[in-house]
All heavy atoms as atom14 arrays in JSON, in Angstrom:
{
  "sequence": "VRHLIVSVKDQDPESFQRAPFAPLTLDGGGIVRCDLPRIHEY",
  "atom14_mask": [
    [1, 1, 1, 1, 1, 1, 1, 0, 0, 0, 0, 0, 0, 0],
    [1, 1, 1, 1, 1, 1, 1, 1, 1, 1, 1, 0, 0, 0],
    [1, 1, 1, 1, 1, 1, 1, 1, 1, 1, 0, 0, 0, 0],
    [1, 1, 1, 1, 1, 1, 1, 1, 0, 0, 0, 0, 0, 0],
    [1, 1, 1, 1, 1, 1, 1, 1, 0, 0, 0, 0, 0, 0],
    [1, 1, 1, 1, 1, 1, 1, 0, 0, 0, 0, 0, 0, 0],
    [1, 1, 1, 1, 1, 1, 0, 0, 0, 0, 0, 0, 0, 0],
    [1, 1, 1, 1, 1, 1, 1, 0, 0, 0, 0, 0, 0, 0],
    [1, 1, 1, 1, 1, 1, 1, 1, 1, 0, 0, 0, 0, 0],
    [1, 1, 1, 1, 1, 1, 1, 1, 0, 0, 0, 0, 0, 0],
    [1, 1, 1, 1, 1, 1, 1, 1, 1, 0, 0, 0, 0, 0],
    [1, 1, 1, 1, 1, 1, 1, 1, 0, 0, 0, 0, 0, 0],
    [1, 1, 1, 1, 1, 1, 1, 0, 0, 0, 0, 0, 0, 0],
    [1, 1, 1, 1, 1, 1, 1, 1, 1, 0, 0, 0, 0, 0],
    [1, 1, 1, 1, 1, 1, 0, 0, 0, 0, 0, 0, 0, 0],
    [1, 1, 1, 1, 1, 1, 1, 1, 1, 1, 1, 0, 0, 0],
    [1, 1, 1, 1, 1, 1, 1, 1, 1, 0, 0, 0, 0, 0],
    [1, 1, 1, 1, 1, 1, 1, 1, 1, 1, 1, 0, 0, 0],
    [1, 1, 1, 1, 1, 0, 0, 0, 0, 0, 0, 0, 0, 0],
    [1, 1, 1, 1, 1, 1, 1, 0, 0, 0, 0, 0, 0, 0],
    [1, 1, 1, 1, 1, 1, 1, 1, 1, 1, 1, 0, 0, 0],
    [1, 1, 1, 1, 1, 0, 0, 0, 0, 0, 0, 0, 0, 0],
    [1, 1, 1, 1, 1, 1, 1, 0, 0, 0, 0, 0, 0, 0],
    [1, 1, 1, 1, 1, 1, 1, 1, 0, 0, 0, 0, 0, 0],
    [1, 1, 1, 1, 1, 1, 1, 0, 0, 0, 0, 0, 0, 0],
    [1, 1, 1, 1, 1, 1, 1, 1, 0, 0, 0, 0, 0, 0],
    [1, 1, 1, 1, 1, 1, 1, 1, 0, 0, 0, 0, 0, 0],
    [1, 1, 1, 1, 0, 0, 0, 0, 0, 0, 0, 0, 0, 0],
    [1, 1, 1, 1, 0, 0, 0, 0, 0, 0, 0, 0, 0, 0],
    [1, 1, 1, 1, 0, 0, 0, 0, 0, 0, 0, 0, 0, 0],
    [1, 1, 1, 1, 1, 1, 1, 1, 0, 0, 0, 0, 0, 0],
    [1, 1, 1, 1, 1, 1, 1, 0, 0, 0, 0, 0, 0, 0],
    [1, 1, 1, 1, 1, 1, 1, 1, 1, 1, 1, 0, 0, 0],
    [1, 1, 1, 1, 1, 1, 0, 0, 0, 0, 0, 0, 0, 0],
    [1, 1, 1, 1, 1, 1, 1, 1, 0, 0, 0, 0, 0, 0],
    [1, 1, 1, 1, 1, 1, 1, 1, 0, 0, 0, 0, 0, 0],
    [1, 1, 1, 1, 1, 1, 1, 0, 0, 0, 0, 0, 0, 0],
    [1, 1, 1, 1, 1, 1, 1, 1, 1, 1, 1, 0, 0, 0],
    [1, 1, 1, 1, 1, 1, 1, 1, 0, 0, 0, 0, 0, 0],
    [1, 1, 1, 1, 1, 1, 1, 1, 1, 1, 0, 0, 0, 0],
    [1, 1, 1, 1, 1, 1, 1, 1, 1, 0, 0, 0, 0, 0],
    [1, 1, 1, 1, 1, 1, 1, 1, 1, 1, 1, 1, 0, 0]
  ],
  "atom14_positions": [
    [[26.34, 35.69, -40.34], [27.26, 35.11, -41.32], [27.11, 33.59, -41.33], [27.14, 32.95, -40.27], [28.72, 35.48, -41.01], [29.67, 34.82, -42.02], [28.9, 37.0, -41.03], [0.0, 0.0, 0.0], [0.0, 0.0, 0.0], [0.0, 0.0, 0.0], [0.0, 0.0, 0.0], [0.0, 0.0, 0.0], [0.0, 0.0, 0.0], [0.0, 0.0, 0.0]],
    [[26.93, 33.05, -42.51], [26.83, 31.61, -42.67], [27.84, 31.15, -43.72], [28.01, 31.78, -44.76], [25.42, 31.21, -43.13], [24.33, 31.51, -42.09], [24.42, 30.54, -40.94], [23.37, 30.75, -39.95], [23.57, 31.31, -38.77], [24.78, 31.75, -38.44], [22.58, 31.44, -37.91], [0.0, 0.0, 0.0], [0.0, 0.0, 0.0], [0.0, 0.0, 0.0]],
    [[28.51, 30.04, -43.43], [29.44, 29.42, -44.37], [28.83, 28.08, -44.8], [28.65, 27.18, -43.97], [30.8, 29.19, -43.72], [31.48, 30.46, -43.31], [32.3, 31.17, -44.15], [31.46, 31.13, -42.12], [32.76, 32.25, -43.52], [32.28, 32.24, -42.29], [0.0, 0.0, 0.0], [0.0, 0.0, 0.0], [0.0, 0.0, 0.0], [0.0, 0.0, 0.0]],
    [[28.48, 27.97, -46.07], [27.88, 26.76, -46.6], [28.95, 26.0, -47.38], [29.43, 26.47, -48.42], [26.69, 27.09, -47.5], [25.98, 25.93, -48.19], [25.53, 24.88, -47.18], [24.78, 26.45, -48.97], [0.0, 0.0, 0.0], [0.0, 0.0, 0.0], [0.0, 0.0, 0.0], [0.0, 0.0, 0.0], [0.0, 0.0, 0.0], [0.0, 0.0, 0.0]],
    [[29.34, 24.85, -46.87], [30.38, 24.04, -47.49], [29.74, 22.84, -48.17], [29.06, 22.02, -47.52], [31.41, 23.57, -46.44], [32.01, 24.79, -45.73], [32.5, 22.74, -47.1], [32.93, 24.43, -44.59], [0.0, 0.0, 0.0], [0.0, 0.0, 0.0], [0.0, 0.0, 0.0], [0.0, 0.0, 0.0], [0.0, 0.0, 0.0], [0.0, 0.0, 0.0]],
    [[29.94, 22.74, -49.47], [29.28, 21.72, -50.28], [30.3, 20.65, -50.68], [31.38, 20.96, -51.2], [28.66, 22.35, -51.55], [27.99, 21.28, -52.4], [27.67, 23.44, -51.17], [0.0, 0.0, 0.0], [0.0, 0.0, 0.0], [0.0, 0.0, 0.0], [0.0, 0.0, 0.0], [0.0, 0.0, 0.0], [0.0, 0.0, 0.0], [0.0, 0.0, 0.0]],
    [[29.96, 19.4, -50.41], [30.81, 18.27, -50.8], [29.97, 17.26, -51.56], [28.75, 17.18, -51.4], [31.43, 17.61, -49.56], [32.22, 18.53, -48.84], [0.0, 0.0, 0.0], [0.0, 0.0, 0.0], [0.0, 0.0, 0.0], [0.0, 0.0, 0.0], [0.0, 0.0, 0.0], [0.0, 0.0, 0.0], [0.0, 0.0, 0.0], [0.0, 0.0, 0.0]],
    [[30.63, 16.5, -52.42], [29.96, 15.43, -53.17], [30.54, 14.1, -52.7], [31.75, 13.89, -52.75], [30.15, 15.6, -54.68], [29.51, 14.45, -55.43], [29.57, 16.94, -55.14], [0.0, 0.0, 0.0], [0.0, 0.0, 0.0], [0.0, 0.0, 0.0], [0.0, 0.0, 0.0], [0.0, 0.0, 0.0], [0.0, 0.0, 0.0], [0.0, 0.0, 0.0]],
    [[29.66, 13.22, -52.21], [30.1, 11.96, -51.61], [29.58, 10.76, -52.41], [28.54, 10.83, -53.06], [29.59, 11.86, -50.17], [29.94, 13.05, -49.28], [31.41, 13.11, -48.96], [31.7, 14.21, -47.94], [33.14, 14.32, -47.63], [0.0, 0.0, 0.0], [0.0, 0.0, 0.0], [0.0, 0.0, 0.0], [0.0, 0.0, 0.0], [0.0, 0.0, 0.0]],
    [[30.29, 9.66, -52.3], [29.79, 8.39, -52.82], [28.86, 7.81, -51.78], [29.29, 7.4, -50.7], [30.94, 7.42, -53.09], [31.74, 7.82, -54.31], [31.13, 8.14, -55.34], [32.99, 7.81, -54.22], [0.0, 0.0, 0.0], [0.0, 0.0, 0.0], [0.0, 0.0, 0.0], [0.0, 0.0, 0.0], [0.0, 0.0, 0.0], [0.0, 0.0, 0.0]],
    [[27.56, 7.82, -52.08], [26.59, 7.29, -51.14], [25.4, 6.74, -51.9], [25.18, 7.05, -53.08], [26.14, 8.37, -50.15], [25.62, 9.65, -50.78], [25.27, 10.7, -49.74], [24.46, 10.47, -48.86], [25.9, 11.86, -49.84], [0.0, 0.0, 0.0], [0.0, 0.0, 0.0], [0.0, 0.0, 0.0], [0.0, 0.0, 0.0], [0.0, 0.0, 0.0]],
    [[24.62, 5.95, -51.23], [23.45, 5.33, -51.82], [22.42, 6.4, -52.16], [21.95, 7.1, -51.26], [22.87, 4.32, -50.82], [21.59, 3.68, -51.33], [21.33, 3.78, -52.55], [20.86, 3.12, -50.52], [0.0, 0.0, 0.0], [0.0, 0.0, 0.0], [0.0, 0.0, 0.0], [0.0, 0.0, 0.0], [0.0, 0.0, 0.0], [0.0, 0.0, 0.0]],
    [[22.03, 6.56, -53.43], [21.07, 7.59, -53.79], [19.73, 7.46, -53.05], [19.1, 8.46, -52.72], [20.88, 7.38, -55.3], [22.14, 6.74, -55.75], [22.55, 5.85, -54.61], [0.0, 0.0, 0.0], [0.0, 0.0, 0.0], [0.0, 0.0, 0.0], [0.0, 0.0, 0.0], [0.0, 0.0, 0.0], [0.0, 0.0, 0.0], [0.0, 0.0, 0.0]],
    [[19.32, 6.22, -52.76], [18.04, 6.04, -52.07], [18.11, 6.55, -50.64], [17.2, 7.23, -50.16], [17.64, 4.57, -52.1], [17.26, 4.06, -53.48], [16.7, 2.66, -53.42], [16.48, 2.15, -52.3], [16.47, 2.08, -54.5], [0.0, 0.0, 0.0], [0.0, 0.0, 0.0], [0.0, 0.0, 0.0], [0.0, 0.0, 0.0], [0.0, 0.0, 0.0]],
    [[19.2, 6.27, -49.94], [19.34, 6.77, -48.58], [19.49, 8.29, -48.59], [19.04, 8.99, -47.68], [20.55, 6.13, -47.89], [21.75, 6.48, -48.55], [0.0, 0.0, 0.0], [0.0, 0.0, 0.0], [0.0, 0.0, 0.0], [0.0, 0.0, 0.0], [0.0, 0.0, 0.0], [0.0, 0.0, 0.0], [0.0, 0.0, 0.0], [0.0, 0.0, 0.0]],
    [[20.1, 8.81, -49.63], [20.23, 10.25, -49.78], [18.85, 10.89, -49.92], [18.57, 11.94, -49.33], [21.1, 10.56, -51.0], [21.12, 12.02, -51.38], [21.87, 12.92, -50.66], [20.39, 12.47, -52.47], [21.91, 14.26, -51.01], [20.41, 13.81, -52.82], [21.17, 14.7, -52.1], [0.0, 0.0, 0.0], [0.0, 0.0, 0.0], [0.0, 0.0, 0.0]],
    [[17.99, 10.28, -50.71], [16.65, 10.83, -50.9], [15.83, 10.79, -49.62], [14.96, 11.63, -49.4], [15.91, 10.07, -52.01], [16.45, 10.35, -53.41], [16.32, 11.8, -53.81], [15.38, 12.49, -53.41], [17.27, 12.28, -54.6], [0.0, 0.0, 0.0], [0.0, 0.0, 0.0], [0.0, 0.0, 0.0], [0.0, 0.0, 0.0], [0.0, 0.0, 0.0]],
    [[16.11, 9.82, -48.75], [15.38, 9.72, -47.48], [15.89, 10.71, -46.45], [15.2, 11.01, -45.48], [15.47, 8.3, -46.93], [14.72, 7.26, -47.76], [14.59, 5.96, -46.98], [15.9, 5.38, -46.69], [16.53, 4.51, -47.47], [15.98, 4.14, -48.61], [17.7, 4.02, -47.13], [0.0, 0.0, 0.0], [0.0, 0.0, 0.0], [0.0, 0.0, 0.0]],
    [[17.1, 11.2, -46.64], [17.69, 12.15, -45.68], [17.0, 13.5, -45.79], [16.4, 13.83, -46.81], [19.18, 12.28, -45.95], [0.0, 0.0, 0.0], [0.0, 0.0, 0.0], [0.0, 0.0, 0.0], [0.0, 0.0, 0.0], [0.0, 0.0, 0.0], [0.0, 0.0, 0.0], [0.0, 0.0, 0.0], [0.0, 0.0, 0.0], [0.0, 0.0, 0.0]],
    [[17.06, 14.32, -44.73], [16.47, 15.67, -44.79], [17.0, 16.44, -45.99], [18.2, 16.45, -46.26], [16.91, 16.29, -43.46], [17.1, 15.13, -42.54], [17.62, 14.03, -43.4], [0.0, 0.0, 0.0], [0.0, 0.0, 0.0], [0.0, 0.0, 0.0], [0.0, 0.0, 0.0], [0.0, 0.0, 0.0], [0.0, 0.0, 0.0], [0.0, 0.0, 0.0]],
    [[16.09, 17.1, -46.71], [16.47, 17.79, -47.93], [17.25, 19.06, -47.64], [18.13, 19.44, -48.4], [15.21, 18.14, -48.73], [15.48, 18.46, -50.18], [15.66, 17.44, -51.1], [15.57, 19.76, -50.61], [15.94, 17.71, -52.43], [15.84, 20.06, -51.94], [16.02, 19.03, -52.85], [0.0, 0.0, 0.0], [0.0, 0.0, 0.0], [0.0, 0.0, 0.0]],
    [[16.91, 19.73, -46.55], [17.59, 20.99, -46.22], [18.02, 20.97, -44.76], [17.49, 21.7, -43.93], [16.68, 22.18, -46.49], [0.0, 0.0, 0.0], [0.0, 0.0, 0.0], [0.0, 0.0, 0.0], [0.0, 0.0, 0.0], [0.0, 0.0, 0.0], [0.0, 0.0, 0.0], [0.0, 0.0, 0.0], [0.0, 0.0, 0.0], [0.0, 0.0, 0.0]],
    [[18.99, 20.13, -44.4], [19.41, 20.04, -43.0], [20.17, 21.29, -42.57], [20.88, 21.91, -43.36], [20.34, 18.82, -43.0], [20.9, 18.8, -44.39], [19.8, 19.27, -45.28], [0.0, 0.0, 0.0], [0.0, 0.0, 0.0], [0.0, 0.0, 0.0], [0.0, 0.0, 0.0], [0.0, 0.0, 0.0], [0.0, 0.0, 0.0], [0.0, 0.0, 0.0]],
    [[19.99, 21.67, -41.33], [20.72, 22.81, -40.78], [21.62, 22.31, -39.66], [21.23, 22.28, -38.5], [19.74, 23.88, -40.25], [18.99, 24.65, -41.33], [18.07, 25.68, -40.69], [19.94, 25.34, -42.28], [0.0, 0.0, 0.0], [0.0, 0.0, 0.0], [0.0, 0.0, 0.0], [0.0, 0.0, 0.0], [0.0, 0.0, 0.0], [0.0, 0.0, 0.0]],
    [[22.81, 21.88, -40.03], [23.76, 21.38, -39.03], [24.76, 22.48, -38.72], [25.93, 22.41, -39.11], [24.47, 20.12, -39.56], [25.04, 20.44, -40.85], [23.49, 18.98, -39.72], [0.0, 0.0, 0.0], [0.0, 0.0, 0.0], [0.0, 0.0, 0.0], [0.0, 0.0, 0.0], [0.0, 0.0, 0.0], [0.0, 0.0, 0.0], [0.0, 0.0, 0.0]],
    [[24.27, 23.52, -38.05], [25.12, 24.67, -37.73], [26.01, 24.35, -36.54], [25.57, 23.79, -35.54], [24.25, 25.88, -37.37], [23.52, 26.58, -38.53], [22.53, 27.57, -37.98], [24.52, 27.27, -39.43], [0.0, 0.0, 0.0], [0.0, 0.0, 0.0], [0.0, 0.0, 0.0], [0.0, 0.0, 0.0], [0.0, 0.0, 0.0], [0.0, 0.0, 0.0]],
    [[27.29, 24.71, -36.67], [28.14, 24.63, -35.51], [28.31, 26.03, -34.93], [27.66, 26.97, -35.36], [29.5, 23.99, -35.88], [30.32, 24.88, -36.82], [29.93, 26.04, -37.05], [31.36, 24.4, -37.3], [0.0, 0.0, 0.0], [0.0, 0.0, 0.0], [0.0, 0.0, 0.0], [0.0, 0.0, 0.0], [0.0, 0.0, 0.0], [0.0, 0.0, 0.0]],
    [[29.16, 26.17, -33.96], [29.32, 27.46, -33.3], [29.84, 28.55, -34.2], [29.67, 29.73, -33.92], [0.0, 0.0, 0.0], [0.0, 0.0, 0.0], [0.0, 0.0, 0.0], [0.0, 0.0, 0.0], [0.0, 0.0, 0.0], [0.0, 0.0, 0.0], [0.0, 0.0, 0.0], [0.0, 0.0, 0.0], [0.0, 0.0, 0.0], [0.0, 0.0, 0.0]],
    [[30.45, 28.18, -35.33], [30.99, 29.18, -36.24], [30.07, 29.51, -37.39], [30.49, 30.18, -38.33], [0.0, 0.0, 0.0], [0.0, 0.0, 0.0], [0.0, 0.0, 0.0], [0.0, 0.0, 0.0], [0.0, 0.0, 0.0], [0.0, 0.0, 0.0], [0.0, 0.0, 0.0], [0.0, 0.0, 0.0], [0.0, 0.0, 0.0], [0.0, 0.0, 0.0]],
    [[28.83, 29.06, -37.34], [27.89, 29.35, -38.42], [28.17, 28.56, -39.68], [27.86, 29.01, -40.79], [0.0, 0.0, 0.0], [0.0, 0.0, 0.0], [0.0, 0.0, 0.0], [0.0, 0.0, 0.0], [0.0, 0.0, 0.0], [0.0, 0.0, 0.0], [0.0, 0.0, 0.0], [0.0, 0.0, 0.0], [0.0, 0.0, 0.0], [0.0, 0.0, 0.0]],
    [[28.75, 27.37, -39.54], [29.07, 26.54, -40.69], [27.95, 25.54, -40.95], [27.47, 24.87, -40.04], [30.39, 25.78, -40.48], [31.55, 26.78, -40.33], [30.66, 24.83, -41.64], [32.88, 26.13, -40.01], [0.0, 0.0, 0.0], [0.0, 0.0, 0.0], [0.0, 0.0, 0.0], [0.0, 0.0, 0.0], [0.0, 0.0, 0.0], [0.0, 0.0, 0.0]],
    [[27.5, 25.49, -42.21], [26.5, 24.52, -42.65], [27.16, 23.6, -43.66], [27.76, 24.08, -44.64], [25.28, 25.22, -43.29], [24.21, 24.19, -43.65], [24.71, 26.28, -42.38], [0.0, 0.0, 0.0], [0.0, 0.0, 0.0], [0.0, 0.0, 0.0], [0.0, 0.0, 0.0], [0.0, 0.0, 0.0], [0.0, 0.0, 0.0], [0.0, 0.0, 0.0]],
    [[27.08, 22.31, -43.43], [27.69, 21.35, -44.35], [26.61, 20.66, -45.16], [25.63, 20.15, -44.6], [28.53, 20.34, -43.58], [29.66, 21.0, -42.79], [30.62, 19.99, -42.19], [31.64, 20.67, -41.4], [32.75, 21.21, -41.91], [32.96, 21.12, -43.21], [33.63, 21.82, -41.13], [0.0, 0.0, 0.0], [0.0, 0.0, 0.0], [0.0, 0.0, 0.0]],
    [[26.8, 20.64, -46.45], [25.84, 20.01, -47.37], [26.56, 18.92, -48.15], [27.44, 19.21, -48.98], [25.27, 21.07, -48.31], [24.17, 20.41, -49.58], [0.0, 0.0, 0.0], [0.0, 0.0, 0.0], [0.0, 0.0, 0.0], [0.0, 0.0, 0.0], [0.0, 0.0, 0.0], [0.0, 0.0, 0.0], [0.0, 0.0, 0.0], [0.0, 0.0, 0.0]],
    [[26.21, 17.68, -47.87], [26.8, 16.54, -48.57], [25.84, 16.07, -49.67], [24.69, 15.71, -49.38], [27.08, 15.39, -47.61], [28.21, 15.72, -46.64], [29.05, 16.58, -46.99], [28.24, 15.15, -45.54], [0.0, 0.0, 0.0], [0.0, 0.0, 0.0], [0.0, 0.0, 0.0], [0.0, 0.0, 0.0], [0.0, 0.0, 0.0], [0.0, 0.0, 0.0]],
    [[26.3, 16.08, -50.89], [25.5, 15.68, -52.04], [25.97, 14.34, -52.56], [27.16, 14.01, -52.45], [25.62, 16.73, -53.15], [25.22, 18.16, -52.77], [25.62, 19.13, -53.9], [23.73, 18.25, -52.52], [0.0, 0.0, 0.0], [0.0, 0.0, 0.0], [0.0, 0.0, 0.0], [0.0, 0.0, 0.0], [0.0, 0.0, 0.0], [0.0, 0.0, 0.0]],
    [[25.07, 13.55, -53.16], [25.5, 12.26, -53.7], [26.14, 12.43, -55.07], [25.84, 13.37, -55.81], [24.18, 11.48, -53.81], [23.18, 12.55, -54.12], [23.62, 13.76, -53.34], [0.0, 0.0, 0.0], [0.0, 0.0, 0.0], [0.0, 0.0, 0.0], [0.0, 0.0, 0.0], [0.0, 0.0, 0.0], [0.0, 0.0, 0.0], [0.0, 0.0, 0.0]],
    [[27.01, 11.52, -55.41], [27.62, 11.51, -56.74], [26.63, 10.81, -57.68], [26.46, 9.59, -57.62], [28.95, 10.77, -56.72], [29.78, 10.96, -58.0], [30.96, 10.01, -57.98], [31.77, 10.19, -56.77], [32.84, 11.01, -56.7], [33.19, 11.71, -57.76], [33.54, 11.1, -55.58], [0.0, 0.0, 0.0], [0.0, 0.0, 0.0], [0.0, 0.0, 0.0]],
    [[25.97, 11.59, -58.51], [24.99, 11.01, -59.43], [25.37, 11.39, -60.86], [25.91, 12.46, -61.12], [23.55, 11.48, -59.12], [23.49, 13.01, -59.05], [23.05, 10.88, -57.83], [22.09, 13.54, -58.78], [0.0, 0.0, 0.0], [0.0, 0.0, 0.0], [0.0, 0.0, 0.0], [0.0, 0.0, 0.0], [0.0, 0.0, 0.0], [0.0, 0.0, 0.0]],
    [[25.08, 10.5, -61.78], [25.43, 10.7, -63.18], [24.13, 10.75, -63.99], [23.75, 9.8, -64.65], [26.36, 9.58, -63.68], [27.6, 9.46, -62.86], [28.67, 10.33, -62.98], [27.95, 8.59, -61.87], [29.62, 10.0, -62.12], [29.21, 8.95, -61.43], [0.0, 0.0, 0.0], [0.0, 0.0, 0.0], [0.0, 0.0, 0.0], [0.0, 0.0, 0.0]],
    [[23.46, 11.87, -63.91], [22.22, 12.07, -64.62], [22.25, 13.44, -65.28], [22.97, 14.34, -64.86], [21.02, 11.99, -63.66], [20.87, 10.65, -62.97], [19.72, 10.68, -61.97], [19.02, 11.71, -61.89], [19.53, 9.67, -61.27], [0.0, 0.0, 0.0], [0.0, 0.0, 0.0], [0.0, 0.0, 0.0], [0.0, 0.0, 0.0], [0.0, 0.0, 0.0]],
    [[21.4, 13.6, -66.29], [21.31, 14.89, -66.98], [20.94, 15.99, -66.01], [21.43, 17.12, -66.11], [20.27, 14.78, -68.11], [19.94, 16.11, -68.75], [20.78, 16.66, -69.72], [18.8, 16.82, -68.37], [20.49, 17.87, -70.31], [18.5, 18.05, -68.95], [19.35, 18.56, -69.93], [19.05, 19.77, -70.5], [0.0, 0.0, 0.0], [0.0, 0.0, 0.0]]
  ]
}
């Protein structure tokens, strides 16, 4: 069982692009957190 929690954050798009694209930050409860940048593009 995996819980994928998606959030949208205000962050620098360039630093976001340099970050791992598919990070696996699993904790003991099988939770994966995915932080996305706030971008205003088509």
